[in-house]
Amino acid sequence: TVPDLLRLVAVPVFAWIAIRDIKTRR
């Protein structure tokens, strides 16, 4: 569905968050 497709935005965002957390813990 369209909502499920929009939910895929979580993947790159959480990838960025995880990388930032590794590098800065912030």
PDB file of all heavy atoms in Angstrom:
ATOM      1  N   THR A   1       0.843  -1.191   0.000  1.00  0.00           N
ATOM      2  CA  THR A   1       0.000   0.000   0.000  1.00  0.00           C
ATOM      3  C   THR A   1       0.880   1.242   0.000  1.00  0.00           C
ATOM      4  O   THR A   1       2.088   1.174   0.264  1.00  0.00           O
ATOM      5  CB  THR A   1      -0.913   0.018   1.226  1.00  0.00           C
ATOM      6  OG1 THR A   1      -0.098   0.092   2.400  1.00  0.00           O
ATOM      7  CG2 THR A   1      -1.788  -1.224   1.280  1.00  0.00           C
ATOM      8  N   VAL A   2       0.271   2.377  -0.259  1.00  0.00           N
ATOM      9  CA  VAL A   2       1.019   3.630  -0.226  1.00  0.00           C
ATOM     10  C   VAL A   2       1.615   3.884   1.157  1.00  0.00           C
ATOM     11  O   VAL A   2       2.790   4.265   1.271  1.00  0.00           O
ATOM     12  CB  VAL A   2       0.121   4.804  -0.677  1.00  0.00           C
ATOM     13  CG1 VAL A   2       0.855   6.135  -0.480  1.00  0.00           C
ATOM     14  CG2 VAL A   2      -0.294   4.644  -2.124  1.00  0.00           C
ATOM     15  N   PRO A   3       0.849   3.692   2.262  1.00  0.00           N
ATOM     16  CA  PRO A   3       1.472   3.863   3.583  1.00  0.00           C
ATOM     17  C   PRO A   3       2.676   2.960   3.805  1.00  0.00           C
ATOM     18  O   PRO A   3       3.680   3.398   4.378  1.00  0.00           O
ATOM     19  CB  PRO A   3       0.326   3.518   4.547  1.00  0.00           C
ATOM     20  CG  PRO A   3      -0.914   3.838   3.787  1.00  0.00           C
ATOM     21  CD  PRO A   3      -0.604   3.462   2.379  1.00  0.00           C
ATOM     22  N   ASP A   4       2.586   1.698   3.349  1.00  0.00           N
ATOM     23  CA  ASP A   4       3.718   0.796   3.531  1.00  0.00           C
ATOM     24  C   ASP A   4       4.933   1.240   2.721  1.00  0.00           C
ATOM     25  O   ASP A   4       6.082   1.088   3.158  1.00  0.00           O
ATOM     26  CB  ASP A   4       3.334  -0.635   3.156  1.00  0.00           C
ATOM     27  CG  ASP A   4       2.535  -1.326   4.251  1.00  0.00           C
ATOM     28  OD1 ASP A   4       2.479  -0.770   5.369  1.00  0.00           O
ATOM     29  OD2 ASP A   4       1.972  -2.408   3.991  1.00  0.00           O
ATOM     30  N   LEU A   5       4.703   1.778   1.531  1.00  0.00           N
ATOM     31  CA  LEU A   5       5.816   2.301   0.738  1.00  0.00           C
ATOM     32  C   LEU A   5       6.451   3.503   1.422  1.00  0.00           C
ATOM     33  O   LEU A   5       7.683   3.648   1.452  1.00  0.00           O
ATOM     34  CB  LEU A   5       5.334   2.684  -0.664  1.00  0.00           C
ATOM     35  CG  LEU A   5       4.924   1.520  -1.579  1.00  0.00           C
ATOM     36  CD1 LEU A   5       4.327   2.038  -2.881  1.00  0.00           C
ATOM     37  CD2 LEU A   5       6.132   0.626  -1.871  1.00  0.00           C
ATOM     38  N   LEU A   6       5.616   4.367   1.995  1.00  0.00           N
ATOM     39  CA  LEU A   6       6.141   5.528   2.710  1.00  0.00           C
ATOM     40  C   LEU A   6       6.931   5.118   3.949  1.00  0.00           C
ATOM     41  O   LEU A   6       7.852   5.810   4.363  1.00  0.00           O
ATOM     42  CB  LEU A   6       4.996   6.465   3.105  1.00  0.00           C
ATOM     43  CG  LEU A   6       4.306   7.200   1.958  1.00  0.00           C
ATOM     44  CD1 LEU A   6       3.107   7.987   2.472  1.00  0.00           C
ATOM     45  CD2 LEU A   6       5.285   8.143   1.256  1.00  0.00           C
ATOM     46  N   ARG A   7       6.569   3.980   4.519  1.00  0.00           N
ATOM     47  CA  ARG A   7       7.275   3.511   5.716  1.00  0.00           C
ATOM     48  C   ARG A   7       8.733   3.153   5.416  1.00  0.00           C
ATOM     49  O   ARG A   7       9.557   3.117   6.327  1.00  0.00           O
ATOM     50  CB  ARG A   7       6.555   2.289   6.307  1.00  0.00           C
ATOM     51  CG  ARG A   7       5.255   2.648   7.022  1.00  0.00           C
ATOM     52  CD  ARG A   7       4.607   1.433   7.673  1.00  0.00           C
ATOM     53  NE  ARG A   7       3.523   1.844   8.528  1.00  0.00           N
ATOM     54  CZ  ARG A   7       2.232   1.864   8.173  1.00  0.00           C
ATOM     55  NH1 ARG A   7       1.879   1.454   6.948  1.00  0.00           N
ATOM     56  NH2 ARG A   7       1.313   2.280   9.028  1.00  0.00           N
ATOM     57  N   LEU A   8       9.061   2.897   4.174  1.00  0.00           N
ATOM     58  CA  LEU A   8      10.435   2.545   3.821  1.00  0.00           C
ATOM     59  C   LEU A   8      11.408   3.698   4.045  1.00  0.00           C
ATOM     60  O   LEU A   8      12.631   3.488   4.042  1.00  0.00           O
ATOM     61  CB  LEU A   8      10.506   2.081   2.364  1.00  0.00           C
ATOM     62  CG  LEU A   8       9.842   0.735   2.066  1.00  0.00           C
ATOM     63  CD1 LEU A   8       9.908   0.424   0.578  1.00  0.00           C
ATOM     64  CD2 LEU A   8      10.498  -0.384   2.876  1.00  0.00           C
ATOM     65  N   VAL A   9      10.882   4.911   4.242  1.00  0.00           N
ATOM     66  CA  VAL A   9      11.762   6.036   4.550  1.00  0.00           C
ATOM     67  C   VAL A   9      12.510   5.786   5.857  1.00  0.00           C
ATOM     68  O   VAL A   9      13.583   6.363   6.092  1.00  0.00           O
ATOM     69  CB  VAL A   9      10.952   7.352   4.629  1.00  0.00           C
ATOM     70  CG1 VAL A   9      10.119   7.412   5.907  1.00  0.00           C
ATOM     71  CG2 VAL A   9      11.878   8.564   4.566  1.00  0.00           C
ATOM     72  N   ALA A  10      11.968   4.900   6.694  1.00  0.00           N
ATOM     73  CA  ALA A  10      12.618   4.597   7.972  1.00  0.00           C
ATOM     74  C   ALA A  10      13.976   3.927   7.767  1.00  0.00           C
ATOM     75  O   ALA A  10      14.868   4.064   8.615  1.00  0.00           O
ATOM     76  CB  ALA A  10      11.719   3.697   8.821  1.00  0.00           C
ATOM     77  N   VAL A  11      14.158   3.210   6.668  1.00  0.00           N
ATOM     78  CA  VAL A  11      15.410   2.457   6.464  1.00  0.00           C
ATOM     79  C   VAL A  11      16.614   3.396   6.322  1.00  0.00           C
ATOM     80  O   VAL A  11      17.582   3.275   7.087  1.00  0.00           O
ATOM     81  CB  VAL A  11      15.290   1.507   5.257  1.00  0.00           C
ATOM     82  CG1 VAL A  11      16.612   0.791   5.008  1.00  0.00           C
ATOM     83  CG2 VAL A  11      14.173   0.489   5.496  1.00  0.00           C
ATOM     84  N   PRO A  12      16.618   4.329   5.367  1.00  0.00           N
ATOM     85  CA  PRO A  12      17.792   5.222   5.286  1.00  0.00           C
ATOM     86  C   PRO A  12      17.942   6.116   6.512  1.00  0.00           C
ATOM     87  O   PRO A  12      19.069   6.425   6.917  1.00  0.00           O
ATOM     88  CB  PRO A  12      17.537   6.049   4.020  1.00  0.00           C
ATOM     89  CG  PRO A  12      16.058   5.955   3.781  1.00  0.00           C
ATOM     90  CD  PRO A  12      15.656   4.602   4.272  1.00  0.00           C
ATOM     91  N   VAL A  13      16.824   6.531   7.102  1.00  0.00           N
ATOM     92  CA  VAL A  13      16.910   7.393   8.287  1.00  0.00           C
ATOM     93  C   VAL A  13      17.554   6.643   9.447  1.00  0.00           C
ATOM     94  O   VAL A  13      18.451   7.159  10.125  1.00  0.00           O
ATOM     95  CB  VAL A  13      15.516   7.927   8.681  1.00  0.00           C
ATOM     96  CG1 VAL A  13      15.598   8.651  10.018  1.00  0.00           C
ATOM     97  CG2 VAL A  13      14.985   8.863   7.616  1.00  0.00           C
ATOM     98  N   PHE A  14      17.115   5.404   9.684  1.00  0.00           N
ATOM     99  CA  PHE A  14      17.687   4.631  10.783  1.00  0.00           C
ATOM    100  C   PHE A  14      19.119   4.206  10.471  1.00  0.00           C
ATOM    101  O   PHE A  14      19.918   4.022  11.406  1.00  0.00           O
ATOM    102  CB  PHE A  14      16.812   3.421  11.101  1.00  0.00           C
ATOM    103  CG  PHE A  14      15.761   3.713  12.138  1.00  0.00           C
ATOM    104  CD1 PHE A  14      14.586   4.365  11.784  1.00  0.00           C
ATOM    105  CD2 PHE A  14      15.945   3.370  13.461  1.00  0.00           C
ATOM    106  CE1 PHE A  14      13.621   4.662  12.734  1.00  0.00           C
ATOM    107  CE2 PHE A  14      14.990   3.657  14.423  1.00  0.00           C
ATOM    108  CZ  PHE A  14      13.818   4.303  14.062  1.00  0.00           C
ATOM    109  N   ALA A  15      19.456   4.045   9.201  1.00  0.00           N
ATOM    110  CA  ALA A  15      20.854   3.769   8.844  1.00  0.00           C
ATOM    111  C   ALA A  15      21.729   4.957   9.231  1.00  0.00           C
ATOM    112  O   ALA A  15      22.811   4.793   9.823  1.00  0.00           O
ATOM    113  CB  ALA A  15      20.969   3.480   7.350  1.00  0.00           C
ATOM    114  N   TRP A  16      21.267   6.160   8.919  1.00  0.00           N
ATOM    115  CA  TRP A  16      22.011   7.374   9.269  1.00  0.00           C
ATOM    116  C   TRP A  16      22.118   7.524  10.785  1.00  0.00           C
ATOM    117  O   TRP A  16      23.184   7.870  11.307  1.00  0.00           O
ATOM    118  CB  TRP A  16      21.308   8.593   8.671  1.00  0.00           C
ATOM    119  CG  TRP A  16      21.927   9.894   9.089  1.00  0.00           C
ATOM    120  CD1 TRP A  16      23.044  10.480   8.572  1.00  0.00           C
ATOM    121  CD2 TRP A  16      21.467  10.762  10.134  1.00  0.00           C
ATOM    122  NE1 TRP A  16      23.311  11.659   9.225  1.00  0.00           N
ATOM    123  CE2 TRP A  16      22.357  11.861  10.182  1.00  0.00           C
ATOM    124  CE3 TRP A  16      20.389  10.726  11.017  1.00  0.00           C
ATOM    125  CZ2 TRP A  16      22.204  12.904  11.096  1.00  0.00           C
ATOM    126  CZ3 TRP A  16      20.236  11.767  11.920  1.00  0.00           C
ATOM    127  CH2 TRP A  16      21.130  12.838  11.956  1.00  0.00           C
ATOM    128  N   ILE A  17      21.027   7.245  11.496  1.00  0.00           N
ATOM    129  CA  ILE A  17      21.027   7.348  12.954  1.00  0.00           C
ATOM    130  C   ILE A  17      22.024   6.363  13.559  1.00  0.00           C
ATOM    131  O   ILE A  17      22.774   6.696  14.485  1.00  0.00           O
ATOM    132  CB  ILE A  17      19.609   7.096  13.513  1.00  0.00           C
ATOM    133  CG1 ILE A  17      18.688   8.264  13.150  1.00  0.00           C
ATOM    134  CG2 ILE A  17      19.645   6.890  15.025  1.00  0.00           C
ATOM    135  CD1 ILE A  17      17.220   8.003  13.468  1.00  0.00           C
ATOM    136  N   ALA A  18      22.046   5.132  13.045  1.00  0.00           N
ATOM    137  CA  ALA A  18      22.964   4.121  13.571  1.00  0.00           C
ATOM    138  C   ALA A  18      24.415   4.517  13.342  1.00  0.00           C
ATOM    139  O   ALA A  18      25.261   4.377  14.237  1.00  0.00           O
ATOM    140  CB  ALA A  18      22.677   2.767  12.930  1.00  0.00           C
ATOM    141  N   ILE A  19      24.725   5.029  12.148  1.00  0.00           N
ATOM    142  CA  ILE A  19      26.095   5.463  11.848  1.00  0.00           C
ATOM    143  C   ILE A  19      26.502   6.615  12.743  1.00  0.00           C
ATOM    144  O   ILE A  19      27.610   6.644  13.292  1.00  0.00           O
ATOM    145  CB  ILE A  19      26.219   5.852  10.362  1.00  0.00           C
ATOM    146  CG1 ILE A  19      26.050   4.621   9.473  1.00  0.00           C
ATOM    147  CG2 ILE A  19      27.562   6.530  10.085  1.00  0.00           C
ATOM    148  CD1 ILE A  19      25.951   4.932   7.996  1.00  0.00           C
ATOM    149  N   ARG A  20      25.599   7.563  12.913  1.00  0.00           N
ATOM    150  CA  ARG A  20      25.888   8.713  13.778  1.00  0.00           C
ATOM    151  C   ARG A  20      26.105   8.270  15.226  1.00  0.00           C
ATOM    152  O   ARG A  20      26.979   8.789  15.912  1.00  0.00           O
ATOM    153  CB  ARG A  20      24.772   9.734  13.688  1.00  0.00           C
ATOM    154  CG  ARG A  20      25.003  10.953  14.566  1.00  0.00           C
ATOM    155  CD  ARG A  20      24.010  12.053  14.289  1.00  0.00           C
ATOM    156  NE  ARG A  20      24.219  13.178  15.184  1.00  0.00           N
ATOM    157  CZ  ARG A  20      25.170  14.093  15.047  1.00  0.00           C
ATOM    158  NH1 ARG A  20      26.007  14.004  14.018  1.00  0.00           N
ATOM    159  NH2 ARG A  20      25.299  15.092  15.900  1.00  0.00           N
ATOM    160  N   ASP A  21      25.310   7.312  15.666  1.00  0.00           N
ATOM    161  CA  ASP A  21      25.435   6.830  17.042  1.00  0.00           C
ATOM    162  C   ASP A  21      26.772   6.118  17.259  1.00  0.00           C
ATOM    163  O   ASP A  21      27.378   6.224  18.324  1.00  0.00           O
ATOM    164  CB  ASP A  21      24.279   5.894  17.383  1.00  0.00           C
ATOM    165  CG  ASP A  21      23.959   5.884  18.872  1.00  0.00           C
ATOM    166  OD1 ASP A  21      24.381   6.821  19.569  1.00  0.00           O
ATOM    167  OD2 ASP A  21      23.285   4.950  19.324  1.00  0.00           O
ATOM    168  N   ILE A  22      27.236   5.398  16.229  1.00  0.00           N
ATOM    169  CA  ILE A  22      28.544   4.735  16.326  1.00  0.00           C
ATOM    170  C   ILE A  22      29.658   5.774  16.427  1.00  0.00           C
ATOM    171  O   ILE A  22      30.580   5.648  17.236  1.00  0.00           O
ATOM    172  CB  ILE A  22      28.782   3.819  15.113  1.00  0.00           C
ATOM    173  CG1 ILE A  22      27.843   2.613  15.162  1.00  0.00           C
ATOM    174  CG2 ILE A  22      30.233   3.357  15.068  1.00  0.00           C
ATOM    175  CD1 ILE A  22      27.894   1.764  13.925  1.00  0.00           C
ATOM    176  N   LYS A  23      29.566   6.819  15.603  1.00  0.00           N
ATOM    177  CA  LYS A  23      30.641   7.801  15.527  1.00  0.00           C
ATOM    178  C   LYS A  23      30.648   8.774  16.699  1.00  0.00           C
ATOM    179  O   LYS A  23      31.715   9.184  17.166  1.00  0.00           O
ATOM    180  CB  LYS A  23      30.543   8.588  14.213  1.00  0.00           C
ATOM    181  CG  LYS A  23      30.856   7.764  12.975  1.00  0.00           C
ATOM    182  CD  LYS A  23      30.784   8.628  11.731  1.00  0.00           C
ATOM    183  CE  LYS A  23      31.194   7.836  10.487  1.00  0.00           C
ATOM    184  NZ  LYS A  23      31.133   8.670   9.259  1.00  0.00           N
ATOM    185  N   THR A  24      29.472   9.182  17.163  1.00  0.00           N
ATOM    186  CA  THR A  24      29.402  10.252  18.158  1.00  0.00           C
ATOM    187  C   THR A  24      28.710   9.870  19.448  1.00  0.00           C
ATOM    188  O   THR A  24      28.828  10.594  20.439  1.00  0.00           O
ATOM    189  CB  THR A  24      28.671  11.474  17.580  1.00  0.00           C
ATOM    190  OG1 THR A  24      27.278  11.168  17.408  1.00  0.00           O
ATOM    191  CG2 THR A  24      29.255  11.887  16.230  1.00  0.00           C
ATOM    192  N   ARG A  25      27.969   8.766  19.462  1.00  0.00           N
ATOM    193  CA  ARG A  25      27.138   8.370  20.604  1.00  0.00           C
ATOM    194  C   ARG A  25      26.134   9.466  20.956  1.00  0.00           C
ATOM    195  O   ARG A  25      25.680   9.575  22.087  1.00  0.00           O
ATOM    196  CB  ARG A  25      27.990   8.065  21.844  1.00  0.00           C
ATOM    197  CG  ARG A  25      28.907   6.873  21.699  1.00  0.00           C
ATOM    198  CD  ARG A  25      28.133   5.573  21.423  1.00  0.00           C
ATOM    199  NE  ARG A  25      28.950   4.410  21.690  1.00  0.00           N
ATOM    200  CZ  ARG A  25      29.778   3.845  20.818  1.00  0.00           C
ATOM    201  NH1 ARG A  25      29.899   4.368  19.627  1.00  0.00           N
ATOM    202  NH2 ARG A  25      30.465   2.780  21.131  1.00  0.00           N
ATOM    203  N   ARG A  26      25.797  10.299  19.983  1.00  0.00           N
ATOM    204  CA  ARG A  26      24.838  11.372  20.201  1.00  0.00           C
ATOM    205  C   ARG A  26      23.841  11.376  19.051  1.00  0.00           C
ATOM    206  O   ARG A  26      24.230  11.338  17.886  1.00  0.00           O
ATOM    207  CB  ARG A  26      25.515  12.753  20.263  1.00  0.00           C
ATOM    208  CG  ARG A  26      26.669  12.879  21.251  1.00  0.00           C
ATOM    209  CD  ARG A  26      26.226  12.727  22.685  1.00  0.00           C
ATOM    210  NE  ARG A  26      27.273  13.069  23.624  1.00  0.00           N
ATOM    211  CZ  ARG A  26      28.239  12.250  24.031  1.00  0.00           C
ATOM    212  NH1 ARG A  26      28.317  11.013  23.516  1.00  0.00           N
ATOM    213  NH2 ARG A  26      29.120  12.629  24.922  1.00  0.00           N
TER     214      ARG A  26
END
